[in-house]
């Protein structure tokens, strides 16, 4: 989940991985330890054609396609099978789709296509605050079904990136997390130990009184005793009550837990 201002470079979260896959697959001898996809594809759910056009124009030369009514009509008029082109993963690395087309039978077939699934690297929901403001209001109800697509159709190994510039802390953020099913075991990455304590204090103040705070959140950093860090490490997989671990860069070094489903 990325909350940052417009112009801060949120699109780098999905453009840079594409560039990395393309670079490494083009020069495999220079990066022998990396497993990459030679035809990487990122799906971006965009609310408007204008935003899709903007993303594609700033994609550093990456081939992209806006899956909208006008473009679909062009391919149908020319009698070109657009669905097959997308499934082949040879034409575009970045595909922007609106929620209405995401709910179509065509995308159900595309997402289950073996070649497409094997090359899909990320699923991105841009301007995610609109899920609540547009979806719940009934203006564009398909926004509320993005979560169903993620849970029911998207391969479990595909990272989901959620970006927004205008979602306020508190009620709006909680509503967004609920709408996308983000309430699972989470690691929050911070840069320094003071930031870890500040985040711990913030979460402590917002956990409802009926929940045991020390069971819900823990920290992982170099000042904590080794035994405490090991307990935290084990609890990520074994403790059903632990929901959030706040970690400094030490927690990123080779630590892999099966039960961690969200990383911020």
C-alpha atoms as a PDB file:
ATOM      1  CA  UNK A   1       0.000   0.000   0.000  1.00  0.00           C
ATOM      2  CA  UNK A   2       1.467   3.373  -1.027  1.00  0.00           C
ATOM      3  CA  UNK A   3       0.115   6.637   0.365  1.00  0.00           C
ATOM      4  CA  UNK A   4       2.044   9.554  -1.088  1.00  0.00           C
ATOM      5  CA  UNK A   5       1.452  12.842  -2.866  1.00  0.00           C
ATOM      6  CA  UNK A   6       0.786  13.227  -6.571  1.00  0.00           C
ATOM      7  CA  UNK A   7       4.103  13.522  -8.388  1.00  0.00           C
ATOM      8  CA  UNK A   8       6.089  11.588  -5.773  1.00  0.00           C
ATOM      9  CA  UNK A   9       6.616   8.691  -8.168  1.00  0.00           C
ATOM     10  CA  UNK A  10       4.058   6.054  -7.153  1.00  0.00           C
ATOM     11  CA  UNK A  11       4.155   4.667 -10.687  1.00  0.00           C
ATOM     12  CA  UNK A  12       7.777   3.628 -10.081  1.00  0.00           C
ATOM     13  CA  UNK A  13       6.380   0.807  -7.930  1.00  0.00           C
ATOM     14  CA  UNK A  14       5.201  -0.983 -11.058  1.00  0.00           C
ATOM     15  CA  UNK A  15       7.265   0.573 -13.869  1.00  0.00           C
ATOM     16  CA  UNK A  16      10.694  -0.137 -12.362  1.00  0.00           C
ATOM     17  CA  UNK A  17      10.005  -3.893 -11.917  1.00  0.00           C
ATOM     18  CA  UNK A  18       9.069  -4.124 -15.604  1.00  0.00           C
ATOM     19  CA  UNK A  19      12.302  -2.386 -16.588  1.00  0.00           C
ATOM     20  CA  UNK A  20      14.258  -4.714 -14.297  1.00  0.00           C
ATOM     21  CA  UNK A  21      12.690  -7.845 -15.815  1.00  0.00           C
ATOM     22  CA  UNK A  22      13.362  -6.595 -19.342  1.00  0.00           C
ATOM     23  CA  UNK A  23      16.960  -5.643 -18.567  1.00  0.00           C
ATOM     24  CA  UNK A  24      17.821  -8.915 -16.841  1.00  0.00           C
ATOM     25  CA  UNK A  25      16.109 -11.073 -19.460  1.00  0.00           C
ATOM     26  CA  UNK A  26      17.980  -9.195 -22.202  1.00  0.00           C
ATOM     27  CA  UNK A  27      21.371  -9.669 -20.493  1.00  0.00           C
ATOM     28  CA  UNK A  28      21.008 -12.903 -18.473  1.00  0.00           C
ATOM     29  CA  UNK A  29      24.755 -13.499 -18.267  1.00  0.00           C
ATOM     30  CA  UNK A  30      25.159 -10.316 -16.235  1.00  0.00           C
ATOM     31  CA  UNK A  31      22.552 -11.362 -13.644  1.00  0.00           C
ATOM     32  CA  UNK A  32      22.868 -15.159 -13.326  1.00  0.00           C
ATOM     33  CA  UNK A  33      21.199 -15.392  -9.913  1.00  0.00           C
ATOM     34  CA  UNK A  34      17.915 -13.740 -10.882  1.00  0.00           C
ATOM     35  CA  UNK A  35      14.824 -15.513 -12.159  1.00  0.00           C
ATOM     36  CA  UNK A  36      12.843 -13.167 -14.377  1.00  0.00           C
ATOM     37  CA  UNK A  37      10.060 -13.129 -16.922  1.00  0.00           C
ATOM     38  CA  UNK A  38      11.119 -12.377 -20.479  1.00  0.00           C
ATOM     39  CA  UNK A  39       7.699 -10.881 -21.277  1.00  0.00           C
ATOM     40  CA  UNK A  40       6.631  -9.233 -17.994  1.00  0.00           C
ATOM     41  CA  UNK A  41       3.126  -7.815 -17.727  1.00  0.00           C
ATOM     42  CA  UNK A  42       1.675  -5.487 -15.102  1.00  0.00           C
ATOM     43  CA  UNK A  43      -2.065  -4.878 -14.794  1.00  0.00           C
ATOM     44  CA  UNK A  44      -3.110  -1.439 -13.552  1.00  0.00           C
ATOM     45  CA  UNK A  45      -6.710  -0.776 -12.579  1.00  0.00           C
ATOM     46  CA  UNK A  46      -7.391   2.856 -13.475  1.00  0.00           C
ATOM     47  CA  UNK A  47     -10.627   4.797 -12.914  1.00  0.00           C
ATOM     48  CA  UNK A  48     -10.498   6.913 -16.088  1.00  0.00           C
ATOM     49  CA  UNK A  49      -9.148   6.819 -19.630  1.00  0.00           C
ATOM     50  CA  UNK A  50      -7.303  10.058 -18.922  1.00  0.00           C
ATOM     51  CA  UNK A  51      -5.325   8.530 -16.076  1.00  0.00           C
ATOM     52  CA  UNK A  52      -4.518   5.461 -18.184  1.00  0.00           C
ATOM     53  CA  UNK A  53      -3.268   7.694 -21.000  1.00  0.00           C
ATOM     54  CA  UNK A  54      -1.143   9.677 -18.545  1.00  0.00           C
ATOM     55  CA  UNK A  55       0.430   6.539 -17.073  1.00  0.00           C
ATOM     56  CA  UNK A  56       1.252   5.118 -20.482  1.00  0.00           C
ATOM     57  CA  UNK A  57       2.785   8.391 -21.681  1.00  0.00           C
ATOM     58  CA  UNK A  58       5.135   8.430 -18.674  1.00  0.00           C
ATOM     59  CA  UNK A  59       6.133   4.763 -18.802  1.00  0.00           C
ATOM     60  CA  UNK A  60       9.743   5.318 -19.940  1.00  0.00           C
ATOM     61  CA  UNK A  61       9.187   3.719 -23.325  1.00  0.00           C
ATOM     62  CA  UNK A  62       7.497   0.601 -21.966  1.00  0.00           C
ATOM     63  CA  UNK A  63       4.876  -0.722 -24.368  1.00  0.00           C
ATOM     64  CA  UNK A  64       1.414  -0.184 -22.930  1.00  0.00           C
ATOM     65  CA  UNK A  65      -2.257  -0.518 -23.762  1.00  0.00           C
ATOM     66  CA  UNK A  66      -5.388   1.145 -22.412  1.00  0.00           C
ATOM     67  CA  UNK A  67      -8.168  -1.454 -22.397  1.00  0.00           C
ATOM     68  CA  UNK A  68     -11.070   0.942 -22.951  1.00  0.00           C
ATOM     69  CA  UNK A  69     -14.148   1.006 -25.171  1.00  0.00           C
ATOM     70  CA  UNK A  70     -12.539   3.041 -27.955  1.00  0.00           C
ATOM     71  CA  UNK A  71      -9.462   0.842 -28.263  1.00  0.00           C
ATOM     72  CA  UNK A  72     -11.493  -2.358 -28.065  1.00  0.00           C
ATOM     73  CA  UNK A  73     -13.738  -1.089 -30.861  1.00  0.00           C
ATOM     74  CA  UNK A  74     -10.718  -0.338 -33.052  1.00  0.00           C
ATOM     75  CA  UNK A  75      -9.523  -3.939 -32.818  1.00  0.00           C
ATOM     76  CA  UNK A  76     -12.997  -5.337 -33.437  1.00  0.00           C
ATOM     77  CA  UNK A  77     -13.437  -3.182 -36.540  1.00  0.00           C
ATOM     78  CA  UNK A  78     -10.078  -4.439 -37.830  1.00  0.00           C
ATOM     79  CA  UNK A  79     -11.107  -8.009 -36.894  1.00  0.00           C
ATOM     80  CA  UNK A  80      -8.064  -8.473 -34.664  1.00  0.00           C
ATOM     81  CA  UNK A  81      -8.402 -10.792 -31.664  1.00  0.00           C
ATOM     82  CA  UNK A  82      -7.393  -8.438 -28.844  1.00  0.00           C
ATOM     83  CA  UNK A  83      -7.933 -11.057 -26.158  1.00  0.00           C
ATOM     84  CA  UNK A  84      -5.443 -13.396 -27.848  1.00  0.00           C
ATOM     85  CA  UNK A  85      -2.872 -10.605 -28.184  1.00  0.00           C
ATOM     86  CA  UNK A  86      -3.076  -9.851 -24.473  1.00  0.00           C
ATOM     87  CA  UNK A  87      -2.790 -13.532 -23.548  1.00  0.00           C
ATOM     88  CA  UNK A  88       0.335 -13.932 -25.694  1.00  0.00           C
ATOM     89  CA  UNK A  89       2.144 -11.200 -23.672  1.00  0.00           C
ATOM     90  CA  UNK A  90       4.181 -10.157 -26.709  1.00  0.00           C
ATOM     91  CA  UNK A  91       2.627  -6.788 -27.466  1.00  0.00           C
ATOM     92  CA  UNK A  92       2.355  -4.859 -24.195  1.00  0.00           C
ATOM     93  CA  UNK A  93       4.078  -4.870 -20.812  1.00  0.00           C
ATOM     94  CA  UNK A  94       1.704  -2.439 -19.104  1.00  0.00           C
ATOM     95  CA  UNK A  95      -2.062  -2.865 -19.447  1.00  0.00           C
ATOM     96  CA  UNK A  96      -4.521  -0.386 -17.940  1.00  0.00           C
ATOM     97  CA  UNK A  97      -8.040  -1.669 -17.301  1.00  0.00           C
ATOM     98  CA  UNK A  98     -11.063   0.059 -15.791  1.00  0.00           C
ATOM     99  CA  UNK A  99     -13.143  -1.821 -13.165  1.00  0.00           C
ATOM    100  CA  UNK A 100     -16.070  -2.305 -15.542  1.00  0.00           C
ATOM    101  CA  UNK A 101     -13.999  -4.132 -18.148  1.00  0.00           C
ATOM    102  CA  UNK A 102     -12.167  -6.037 -15.400  1.00  0.00           C
ATOM    103  CA  UNK A 103     -15.520  -7.636 -14.539  1.00  0.00           C
ATOM    104  CA  UNK A 104     -16.104  -8.788 -18.121  1.00  0.00           C
ATOM    105  CA  UNK A 105     -15.946 -12.436 -19.284  1.00  0.00           C
ATOM    106  CA  UNK A 106     -12.954 -11.536 -21.484  1.00  0.00           C
ATOM    107  CA  UNK A 107     -10.815 -10.725 -18.471  1.00  0.00           C
ATOM    108  CA  UNK A 108     -11.914 -13.867 -16.681  1.00  0.00           C
ATOM    109  CA  UNK A 109     -10.537 -15.839 -19.613  1.00  0.00           C
ATOM    110  CA  UNK A 110      -7.379 -13.726 -19.830  1.00  0.00           C
ATOM    111  CA  UNK A 111      -6.508 -14.035 -16.143  1.00  0.00           C
ATOM    112  CA  UNK A 112      -6.838 -17.827 -16.303  1.00  0.00           C
ATOM    113  CA  UNK A 113      -4.729 -18.123 -19.453  1.00  0.00           C
ATOM    114  CA  UNK A 114      -1.542 -20.026 -18.666  1.00  0.00           C
ATOM    115  CA  UNK A 115       0.808 -17.766 -20.650  1.00  0.00           C
ATOM    116  CA  UNK A 116      -0.659 -14.585 -19.220  1.00  0.00           C
ATOM    117  CA  UNK A 117      -0.516 -15.884 -15.640  1.00  0.00           C
ATOM    118  CA  UNK A 118       3.082 -16.992 -16.034  1.00  0.00           C
ATOM    119  CA  UNK A 119       4.132 -13.499 -17.158  1.00  0.00           C
ATOM    120  CA  UNK A 120       1.984 -11.403 -14.827  1.00  0.00           C
ATOM    121  CA  UNK A 121       4.266  -9.705 -12.305  1.00  0.00           C
ATOM    122  CA  UNK A 122       2.025  -7.225 -10.460  1.00  0.00           C
ATOM    123  CA  UNK A 123      -1.593  -6.206 -10.039  1.00  0.00           C
ATOM    124  CA  UNK A 124      -1.983  -2.503  -9.270  1.00  0.00           C
ATOM    125  CA  UNK A 125      -5.011  -0.549  -8.070  1.00  0.00           C
ATOM    126  CA  UNK A 126      -4.355   3.135  -8.783  1.00  0.00           C
ATOM    127  CA  UNK A 127      -6.348   5.954  -7.154  1.00  0.00           C
ATOM    128  CA  UNK A 128      -7.646   3.311  -4.772  1.00  0.00           C
ATOM    129  CA  UNK A 129      -9.557   5.804  -2.590  1.00  0.00           C
ATOM    130  CA  UNK A 130     -12.224   5.794  -5.317  1.00  0.00           C
ATOM    131  CA  UNK A 131     -13.195   2.251  -4.342  1.00  0.00           C
ATOM    132  CA  UNK A 132     -15.147   3.742  -1.456  1.00  0.00           C
ATOM    133  CA  UNK A 133     -16.202   7.128  -2.826  1.00  0.00           C
ATOM    134  CA  UNK A 134     -17.314   5.833  -6.238  1.00  0.00           C
ATOM    135  CA  UNK A 135     -18.077   2.199  -5.473  1.00  0.00           C
ATOM    136  CA  UNK A 136     -20.104   2.464  -2.278  1.00  0.00           C
ATOM    137  CA  UNK A 137     -22.022   5.485  -3.534  1.00  0.00           C
ATOM    138  CA  UNK A 138     -23.359   3.504  -6.489  1.00  0.00           C
ATOM    139  CA  UNK A 139     -21.783   5.840  -9.031  1.00  0.00           C
ATOM    140  CA  UNK A 140     -19.560   3.049 -10.384  1.00  0.00           C
ATOM    141  CA  UNK A 141     -20.423  -0.080  -8.394  1.00  0.00           C
ATOM    142  CA  UNK A 142     -17.828  -2.280 -10.123  1.00  0.00           C
ATOM    143  CA  UNK A 143     -15.171  -0.579  -7.992  1.00  0.00           C
ATOM    144  CA  UNK A 144     -16.463  -2.610  -5.061  1.00  0.00           C
ATOM    145  CA  UNK A 145     -15.815  -5.854  -6.947  1.00  0.00           C
ATOM    146  CA  UNK A 146     -12.062  -5.340  -7.417  1.00  0.00           C
ATOM    147  CA  UNK A 147     -11.448  -7.235  -4.174  1.00  0.00           C
ATOM    148  CA  UNK A 148     -13.518 -10.174  -5.444  1.00  0.00           C
ATOM    149  CA  UNK A 149     -11.367 -10.319  -8.578  1.00  0.00           C
ATOM    150  CA  UNK A 150      -8.178 -10.243  -6.494  1.00  0.00           C
ATOM    151  CA  UNK A 151      -9.327 -13.032  -4.177  1.00  0.00           C
ATOM    152  CA  UNK A 152     -11.168 -15.160  -6.704  1.00  0.00           C
ATOM    153  CA  UNK A 153      -9.172 -14.835  -9.918  1.00  0.00           C
ATOM    154  CA  UNK A 154      -5.688 -13.483  -9.282  1.00  0.00           C
ATOM    155  CA  UNK A 155      -2.937 -16.087  -8.715  1.00  0.00           C
ATOM    156  CA  UNK A 156      -1.920 -16.094  -5.054  1.00  0.00           C
ATOM    157  CA  UNK A 157       1.743 -15.398  -5.832  1.00  0.00           C
ATOM    158  CA  UNK A 158       1.051 -12.109  -7.657  1.00  0.00           C
ATOM    159  CA  UNK A 159       1.838  -9.006  -5.538  1.00  0.00           C
ATOM    160  CA  UNK A 160      -0.988  -6.482  -5.246  1.00  0.00           C
ATOM    161  CA  UNK A 161       0.033  -2.814  -5.144  1.00  0.00           C
ATOM    162  CA  UNK A 162      -2.479  -0.223  -3.939  1.00  0.00           C
ATOM    163  CA  UNK A 163      -1.720   3.466  -4.518  1.00  0.00           C
ATOM    164  CA  UNK A 164      -3.447   6.711  -3.586  1.00  0.00           C
ATOM    165  CA  UNK A 165      -2.556  10.334  -2.942  1.00  0.00           C
ATOM    166  CA  UNK A 166      -5.709  11.508  -1.199  1.00  0.00           C
ATOM    167  CA  UNK A 167      -6.828   8.823   1.248  1.00  0.00           C
ATOM    168  CA  UNK A 168      -6.886  10.418   4.696  1.00  0.00           C
ATOM    169  CA  UNK A 169      -5.663   8.551   7.798  1.00  0.00           C
ATOM    170  CA  UNK A 170      -8.323   7.099  10.029  1.00  0.00           C
ATOM    171  CA  UNK A 171     -11.797   6.219   8.791  1.00  0.00           C
ATOM    172  CA  UNK A 172     -11.022   6.525   5.068  1.00  0.00           C
ATOM    173  CA  UNK A 173      -7.927   4.338   5.275  1.00  0.00           C
ATOM    174  CA  UNK A 174      -9.748   1.720   7.357  1.00  0.00           C
ATOM    175  CA  UNK A 175     -12.594   1.658   4.841  1.00  0.00           C
ATOM    176  CA  UNK A 176     -10.134   1.198   1.971  1.00  0.00           C
ATOM    177  CA  UNK A 177      -8.347  -1.644   3.753  1.00  0.00           C
ATOM    178  CA  UNK A 178     -11.658  -3.341   4.487  1.00  0.00           C
ATOM    179  CA  UNK A 179     -12.802  -2.970   0.874  1.00  0.00           C
ATOM    180  CA  UNK A 180      -9.624  -4.656  -0.383  1.00  0.00           C
ATOM    181  CA  UNK A 181      -9.437  -7.295   2.319  1.00  0.00           C
ATOM    182  CA  UNK A 182      -6.321  -5.755   3.844  1.00  0.00           C
ATOM    183  CA  UNK A 183      -6.625  -6.854   7.436  1.00  0.00           C
ATOM    184  CA  UNK A 184      -4.201  -9.722   7.510  1.00  0.00           C
ATOM    185  CA  UNK A 185      -0.716 -10.232   8.946  1.00  0.00           C
ATOM    186  CA  UNK A 186       1.344  -7.229   8.005  1.00  0.00           C
ATOM    187  CA  UNK A 187       4.938  -6.069   8.295  1.00  0.00           C
ATOM    188  CA  UNK A 188       5.363  -2.291   8.412  1.00  0.00           C
ATOM    189  CA  UNK A 189       8.867  -1.327   7.318  1.00  0.00           C
ATOM    190  CA  UNK A 190      10.459   1.760   8.872  1.00  0.00           C
ATOM    191  CA  UNK A 191      13.941   3.224   8.452  1.00  0.00           C
ATOM    192  CA  UNK A 192      14.947   3.898  12.062  1.00  0.00           C
ATOM    193  CA  UNK A 193      14.240   2.685  15.593  1.00  0.00           C
ATOM    194  CA  UNK A 194      12.616   6.027  16.606  1.00  0.00           C
ATOM    195  CA  UNK A 195      10.244   5.627  13.659  1.00  0.00           C
ATOM    196  CA  UNK A 196       9.412   2.121  14.883  1.00  0.00           C
ATOM    197  CA  UNK A 197       8.483   3.427  18.330  1.00  0.00           C
ATOM    198  CA  UNK A 198       6.462   6.286  16.832  1.00  0.00           C
ATOM    199  CA  UNK A 199       4.531   3.822  14.672  1.00  0.00           C
ATOM    200  CA  UNK A 200       4.024   1.484  17.643  1.00  0.00           C
ATOM    201  CA  UNK A 201       2.628   4.357  19.725  1.00  0.00           C
ATOM    202  CA  UNK A 202       0.341   5.451  16.893  1.00  0.00           C
ATOM    203  CA  UNK A 203      -1.097   1.959  16.431  1.00  0.00           C
ATOM    204  CA  UNK A 204      -1.373   1.478  20.198  1.00  0.00           C
ATOM    205  CA  UNK A 205      -3.617   4.547  20.422  1.00  0.00           C
ATOM    206  CA  UNK A 206      -5.875   3.307  17.609  1.00  0.00           C
ATOM    207  CA  UNK A 207      -6.397  -0.318  18.659  1.00  0.00           C
ATOM    208  CA  UNK A 208      -9.877  -0.684  20.219  1.00  0.00           C
ATOM    209  CA  UNK A 209      -9.907  -1.183  23.982  1.00  0.00           C
ATOM    210  CA  UNK A 210     -11.360  -4.693  23.780  1.00  0.00           C
ATOM    211  CA  UNK A 211      -8.212  -6.049  22.099  1.00  0.00           C
ATOM    212  CA  UNK A 212      -4.973  -6.973  23.876  1.00  0.00           C
ATOM    213  CA  UNK A 213      -2.510  -4.498  22.386  1.00  0.00           C
ATOM    214  CA  UNK A 214       0.658  -6.427  23.220  1.00  0.00           C
ATOM    215  CA  UNK A 215      -0.752  -9.464  21.424  1.00  0.00           C
ATOM    216  CA  UNK A 216      -1.634  -7.505  18.293  1.00  0.00           C
ATOM    217  CA  UNK A 217       1.578  -5.582  17.547  1.00  0.00           C
ATOM    218  CA  UNK A 218       5.279  -6.208  18.095  1.00  0.00           C
ATOM    219  CA  UNK A 219       8.546  -4.614  17.026  1.00  0.00           C
ATOM    220  CA  UNK A 220      11.652  -6.120  15.467  1.00  0.00           C
ATOM    221  CA  UNK A 221      14.893  -4.119  15.673  1.00  0.00           C
ATOM    222  CA  UNK A 222      18.451  -4.307  16.995  1.00  0.00           C
ATOM    223  CA  UNK A 223      17.702  -2.821  20.437  1.00  0.00           C
ATOM    224  CA  UNK A 224      15.219  -5.582  21.240  1.00  0.00           C
ATOM    225  CA  UNK A 225      16.785  -8.633  22.945  1.00  0.00           C
ATOM    226  CA  UNK A 226      17.630 -11.484  20.599  1.00  0.00           C
ATOM    227  CA  UNK A 227      15.149 -13.744  22.368  1.00  0.00           C
ATOM    228  CA  UNK A 228      12.368 -11.198  21.841  1.00  0.00           C
ATOM    229  CA  UNK A 229      13.200 -10.845  18.147  1.00  0.00           C
ATOM    230  CA  UNK A 230      13.215 -14.614  17.726  1.00  0.00           C
ATOM    231  CA  UNK A 231       9.855 -14.853  19.488  1.00  0.00           C
ATOM    232  CA  UNK A 232       8.452 -12.169  17.181  1.00  0.00           C
ATOM    233  CA  UNK A 233       9.880 -14.004  14.194  1.00  0.00           C
ATOM    234  CA  UNK A 234       8.214 -17.271  15.237  1.00  0.00           C
ATOM    235  CA  UNK A 235       4.914 -15.615  16.178  1.00  0.00           C
ATOM    236  CA  UNK A 236       4.457 -14.296  12.652  1.00  0.00           C
ATOM    237  CA  UNK A 237       3.655 -17.855  11.578  1.00  0.00           C
ATOM    238  CA  UNK A 238       2.388 -19.384  14.810  1.00  0.00           C
ATOM    239  CA  UNK A 239       0.443 -16.722  16.752  1.00  0.00           C
ATOM    240  CA  UNK A 240      -3.098 -16.141  15.406  1.00  0.00           C
ATOM    241  CA  UNK A 241      -3.477 -12.940  17.444  1.00  0.00           C
ATOM    242  CA  UNK A 242      -0.377 -11.142  16.164  1.00  0.00           C
ATOM    243  CA  UNK A 243      -1.400  -8.857  13.307  1.00  0.00           C
ATOM    244  CA  UNK A 244       1.339  -6.255  12.850  1.00  0.00           C
ATOM    245  CA  UNK A 245       5.122  -6.350  13.121  1.00  0.00           C
ATOM    246  CA  UNK A 246       7.000  -3.054  12.872  1.00  0.00           C
ATOM    247  CA  UNK A 247      10.525  -3.674  11.638  1.00  0.00           C
ATOM    248  CA  UNK A 248      13.663  -1.712  10.838  1.00  0.00           C
ATOM    249  CA  UNK A 249      15.797  -2.730   7.806  1.00  0.00           C
ATOM    250  CA  UNK A 250      17.059  -5.743   9.797  1.00  0.00           C
ATOM    251  CA  UNK A 251      13.766  -7.555   9.187  1.00  0.00           C
ATOM    252  CA  UNK A 252      14.208  -7.325   5.411  1.00  0.00           C
ATOM    253  CA  UNK A 253      17.446  -9.279   5.261  1.00  0.00           C
ATOM    254  CA  UNK A 254      16.483 -12.735   4.085  1.00  0.00           C
ATOM    255  CA  UNK A 255      13.498 -13.096   6.398  1.00  0.00           C
ATOM    256  CA  UNK A 256      10.617 -14.950   4.776  1.00  0.00           C
ATOM    257  CA  UNK A 257       7.439 -15.874   6.630  1.00  0.00           C
ATOM    258  CA  UNK A 258       4.597 -17.806   5.031  1.00  0.00           C
ATOM    259  CA  UNK A 259       1.818 -16.016   6.921  1.00  0.00           C
ATOM    260  CA  UNK A 260       2.841 -12.475   5.966  1.00  0.00           C
ATOM    261  CA  UNK A 261       0.352 -11.362   3.337  1.00  0.00           C
ATOM    262  CA  UNK A 262       0.785  -7.578   3.415  1.00  0.00           C
ATOM    263  CA  UNK A 263       3.917  -5.454   3.459  1.00  0.00           C
ATOM    264  CA  UNK A 264       3.895  -1.683   3.893  1.00  0.00           C
END
